[in-house]
Amino acid sequence: MKAENKHSKIISAATKVFAKKGFFTARISDIAKEAKVADGTIYLYFNNKYDILLSVFEEEVGKIVEKTDKLLSSEEDPKKMLEIFTIQHLMAMKKNKNLAEVIQIELRQTNKVIKDYRNNKFSEYTGIIANIIKKGQETGIYKADIKADIAKRAYFGALDEVSRVWNASLETHYTVEEIADQLLTMFLTGILHKPAENTP
C-alpha cells in the first residue's frame, strides 16, 4: 500500500475511533486495529494522538473547506452564499457522522490543543461564515453593526448542534433542506413576529 493511502486510511480510522471511544479513551493500538496496520506504522506518520487529531481537522475539514470554497466562488449574493455554506455543511456532517461527532465533542474537550494550533483548517472553515457576513455588510444586505466574529460563532454553533440529529442515538424526519431553511430563516429574519404596520 502506498504511503499516501496508508496515511489517509489512518486518518479515516482515527476519525471513527475518536467518535466511538472519545479522544482521551482511544489508544494508538485501537486506531492501528481499525486501520488494519501495525501499531508502529502509526508512528511513521504521526508523533502522537494529538498530532492525529489535528490531522483529522486539517485533512477532513480541509476537504470540506475546498469543496465549499469552490461552490461559493461562482456566487455573489451573500444570502445565497450563506445558504450554500449551510447546506454543504449539513450534507457533509450527514455523510460523515464520525467527523461530525469528533467536531462536536472532541473539538471542545481538547480546545487548548486547537487553540495553541493557530494555522488550522477549522479556523479557516468558520472564517468563511465571517467573510460572507462582511461581504453582505459591504453590499448593505446585512446590518453594519453586527460583529462578524461573533456572528460566525453563533451560526456555526447552531449548525453544529442541529447536525447532531444524524447521530446514531437520535432520529429525525427533517431533511437537510428543511433544517437549512429553518436556520437561515431564524438567522436572517429572527423569530419575532412582526406587528402589523398600523398597530398603535
Protein backbone atom coordinates (compact mmCIF):
# COMPACT_ATOMS: atom_id res chain seq x y z
CA MET A 1 0.00 0.00 0.00
CA LYS A 2 1.29 3.44 -0.92
CA ALA A 3 2.33 5.76 1.90
CA GLU A 4 -0.32 8.28 0.86
CA ASN A 5 -3.03 5.63 1.05
CA LYS A 6 -1.84 4.44 4.47
CA HIS A 7 -1.87 7.99 5.76
CA SER A 8 -5.46 8.52 4.58
CA LYS A 9 -6.51 5.14 5.95
CA ILE A 10 -5.11 6.01 9.39
CA ILE A 11 -6.91 9.39 9.36
CA SER A 12 -10.19 7.71 8.46
CA ALA A 13 -9.70 5.05 11.13
CA ALA A 14 -8.78 7.64 13.76
CA THR A 15 -11.91 9.67 12.99
CA LYS A 16 -14.02 6.57 13.56
CA VAL A 17 -12.20 5.56 16.76
CA PHE A 18 -12.28 9.08 18.24
CA ALA A 19 -16.01 9.30 17.51
CA LYS A 20 -16.71 5.91 19.08
CA LYS A 21 -14.39 5.91 22.10
CA GLY A 22 -13.53 9.55 22.63
CA PHE A 23 -10.11 11.10 22.14
CA PHE A 24 -8.78 10.52 25.67
CA THR A 25 -10.02 6.92 25.89
CA ALA A 26 -8.84 5.90 22.44
CA ARG A 27 -5.44 4.27 22.13
CA ILE A 28 -2.99 4.20 19.27
CA SER A 29 -3.49 0.43 19.14
CA ASP A 30 -7.25 1.00 18.61
CA ILE A 31 -6.53 3.21 15.62
CA ALA A 32 -4.00 0.74 14.23
CA LYS A 33 -6.51 -2.11 14.57
CA GLU A 34 -9.24 -0.12 12.81
CA ALA A 35 -6.80 0.88 10.03
CA LYS A 36 -5.51 -2.70 9.81
CA VAL A 37 -1.88 -1.67 10.24
CA ALA A 38 0.77 -2.41 12.84
CA ASP A 39 0.96 -0.07 15.86
CA GLY A 40 4.43 1.03 14.81
CA THR A 41 3.14 2.09 11.40
CA ILE A 42 1.12 4.87 13.05
CA TYR A 43 4.32 6.46 14.33
CA LEU A 44 5.78 6.57 10.84
CA TYR A 45 3.18 9.21 10.02
CA PHE A 46 2.22 10.81 13.34
CA ASN A 47 4.01 11.74 16.56
CA ASN A 48 1.10 11.06 18.96
CA LYS A 49 -2.68 11.14 19.35
CA TYR A 50 -2.80 14.94 19.39
CA ASP A 51 -0.95 15.00 16.09
CA ILE A 52 -3.51 12.59 14.66
CA LEU A 53 -6.44 14.66 15.93
CA LEU A 54 -5.03 17.84 14.43
CA SER A 55 -4.51 15.97 11.17
CA VAL A 56 -8.15 14.89 11.23
CA PHE A 57 -9.20 18.52 11.41
CA GLU A 58 -6.64 19.62 8.84
CA GLU A 59 -7.43 16.97 6.28
CA GLU A 60 -11.08 16.04 6.76
CA VAL A 61 -12.26 19.59 7.41
CA GLY A 62 -9.82 20.71 4.71
CA LYS A 63 -11.76 18.68 2.14
CA ILE A 64 -14.98 20.43 3.18
CA VAL A 65 -13.28 23.84 3.00
CA GLU A 66 -12.03 23.13 -0.51
CA LYS A 67 -15.44 21.98 -1.74
CA THR A 68 -17.24 24.90 -0.05
CA ASP A 69 -14.83 27.46 -1.50
CA LYS A 70 -15.38 26.00 -4.95
CA LEU A 71 -19.17 26.22 -4.61
CA LEU A 72 -19.02 29.79 -3.30
CA SER A 73 -16.60 31.03 -5.96
CA SER A 74 -19.36 31.41 -8.55
CA GLU A 75 -21.86 33.12 -6.24
CA GLU A 76 -22.02 36.83 -5.38
CA ASP A 77 -25.24 37.09 -3.35
CA PRO A 78 -24.35 36.94 0.40
CA LYS A 79 -27.73 35.40 1.28
CA LYS A 80 -27.30 32.67 -1.33
CA MET A 81 -23.70 32.17 -0.17
CA LEU A 82 -24.85 31.55 3.40
CA GLU A 83 -27.43 29.09 2.09
CA ILE A 84 -24.75 27.25 0.11
CA PHE A 85 -22.47 27.07 3.15
CA THR A 86 -25.32 25.81 5.35
CA ILE A 87 -26.47 23.05 3.01
CA GLN A 88 -22.91 22.00 2.22
CA HIS A 89 -22.06 21.71 5.94
CA LEU A 90 -25.20 19.77 6.83
CA MET A 91 -24.70 17.38 3.92
CA ALA A 92 -21.06 16.81 4.90
CA MET A 93 -21.99 16.08 8.52
CA LYS A 94 -24.80 13.76 7.49
CA LYS A 95 -22.45 11.89 5.18
CA ASN A 96 -19.60 11.63 7.70
CA LYS A 97 -21.23 11.13 11.11
CA ASN A 98 -17.91 10.19 12.68
CA LEU A 99 -16.38 13.51 11.71
CA ALA A 100 -19.49 15.29 13.00
CA GLU A 101 -19.06 13.57 16.35
CA VAL A 102 -15.37 14.46 16.55
CA ILE A 103 -16.08 18.11 15.73
CA GLN A 104 -18.97 18.32 18.21
CA ILE A 105 -17.32 16.57 21.15
CA GLU A 106 -13.56 16.34 20.81
CA LEU A 107 -13.03 19.84 19.46
CA ARG A 108 -14.41 21.19 22.73
CA GLN A 109 -12.70 18.76 25.08
CA THR A 110 -9.30 19.36 23.53
CA ASN A 111 -9.79 23.04 22.80
CA LYS A 112 -6.45 24.02 24.40
CA VAL A 113 -4.62 21.96 21.81
CA ILE A 114 -6.64 23.50 19.00
CA LYS A 115 -6.23 26.99 20.47
CA ASP A 116 -2.47 26.57 20.51
CA TYR A 117 -2.55 25.43 16.92
CA ARG A 118 -3.20 28.68 15.06
CA ASN A 119 -2.98 27.79 11.38
CA ASN A 120 -5.73 25.21 11.20
CA LYS A 121 -8.41 24.42 8.67
CA PHE A 122 -11.17 24.62 11.25
CA SER A 123 -10.49 28.32 11.83
CA GLU A 124 -10.39 28.81 8.08
CA TYR A 125 -13.71 26.99 7.78
CA THR A 126 -15.61 29.10 10.33
CA GLY A 127 -13.90 32.13 8.84
CA ILE A 128 -15.88 31.53 5.64
CA ILE A 129 -19.05 32.49 7.55
CA ALA A 130 -17.44 35.71 8.78
CA ASN A 131 -16.34 36.57 5.23
CA ILE A 132 -19.87 36.02 3.92
CA ILE A 133 -21.25 38.32 6.61
CA LYS A 134 -18.65 41.01 5.87
CA LYS A 135 -19.46 40.79 2.17
CA GLY A 136 -23.14 41.25 3.00
CA GLN A 137 -22.31 44.27 5.15
CA GLU A 138 -20.29 45.82 2.36
CA THR A 139 -23.22 45.46 -0.03
CA GLY A 140 -25.75 46.70 2.52
CA ILE A 141 -27.61 43.39 2.83
CA TYR A 142 -26.51 42.62 6.39
CA LYS A 143 -26.56 45.08 9.30
CA ALA A 144 -23.33 47.03 9.64
CA ASP A 145 -23.31 46.85 13.45
CA ILE A 146 -23.21 43.04 13.55
CA LYS A 147 -19.82 41.72 14.67
CA ALA A 148 -18.80 39.12 12.10
CA ASP A 149 -16.61 37.16 14.53
CA ILE A 150 -19.48 36.79 17.00
CA ALA A 151 -21.99 36.02 14.26
CA LYS A 152 -19.82 33.26 12.78
CA ARG A 153 -19.57 31.55 16.19
CA ALA A 154 -23.29 31.86 16.82
CA TYR A 155 -24.18 30.50 13.40
CA PHE A 156 -21.66 27.67 13.44
CA GLY A 157 -22.81 26.77 16.96
CA ALA A 158 -26.34 26.41 15.65
CA LEU A 159 -25.15 24.35 12.68
CA ASP A 160 -23.06 22.18 14.97
CA GLU A 161 -25.98 21.47 17.28
CA VAL A 162 -28.56 20.64 14.61
CA SER A 163 -26.04 18.32 12.95
CA ARG A 164 -26.44 16.05 15.97
CA VAL A 165 -29.81 14.87 14.64
CA TRP A 166 -27.95 12.42 12.43
CA ASN A 167 -26.05 10.76 15.27
CA ALA A 168 -26.93 7.12 15.80
CA SER A 169 -28.74 7.83 19.08
CA LEU A 170 -31.09 10.40 17.57
CA GLU A 171 -33.76 10.20 14.91
CA THR A 172 -35.26 12.90 12.77
CA HIS A 173 -37.61 13.16 9.85
CA TYR A 174 -36.22 16.55 8.83
CA THR A 175 -34.32 16.80 5.57
CA VAL A 176 -31.13 18.79 5.04
CA GLU A 177 -33.14 21.38 3.11
CA GLU A 178 -35.74 21.76 5.88
CA ILE A 179 -33.10 22.22 8.57
CA ALA A 180 -31.17 24.68 6.40
CA ASP A 181 -34.35 26.67 5.71
CA GLN A 182 -35.18 26.88 9.42
CA LEU A 183 -31.69 28.01 10.38
CA LEU A 184 -31.47 30.59 7.62
CA THR A 185 -34.91 31.98 8.44
CA MET A 186 -34.10 32.36 12.13
CA PHE A 187 -30.66 33.80 11.49
CA LEU A 188 -31.61 36.20 8.72
CA THR A 189 -35.06 37.35 9.87
CA GLY A 190 -35.26 36.38 13.54
CA ILE A 191 -38.09 34.68 15.40
CA LEU A 192 -40.10 37.74 16.43
CA HIS A 193 -43.48 38.05 14.76
CA LYS A 194 -43.54 41.49 13.20
CA PRO A 195 -46.55 43.56 14.33
CA ALA A 196 -48.88 44.96 11.70
CA GLU A 197 -47.83 48.33 10.27
CA ASN A 198 -50.96 50.09 11.52
CA THR A 199 -50.91 48.67 15.05
CA PRO A 200 -50.80 51.64 17.51
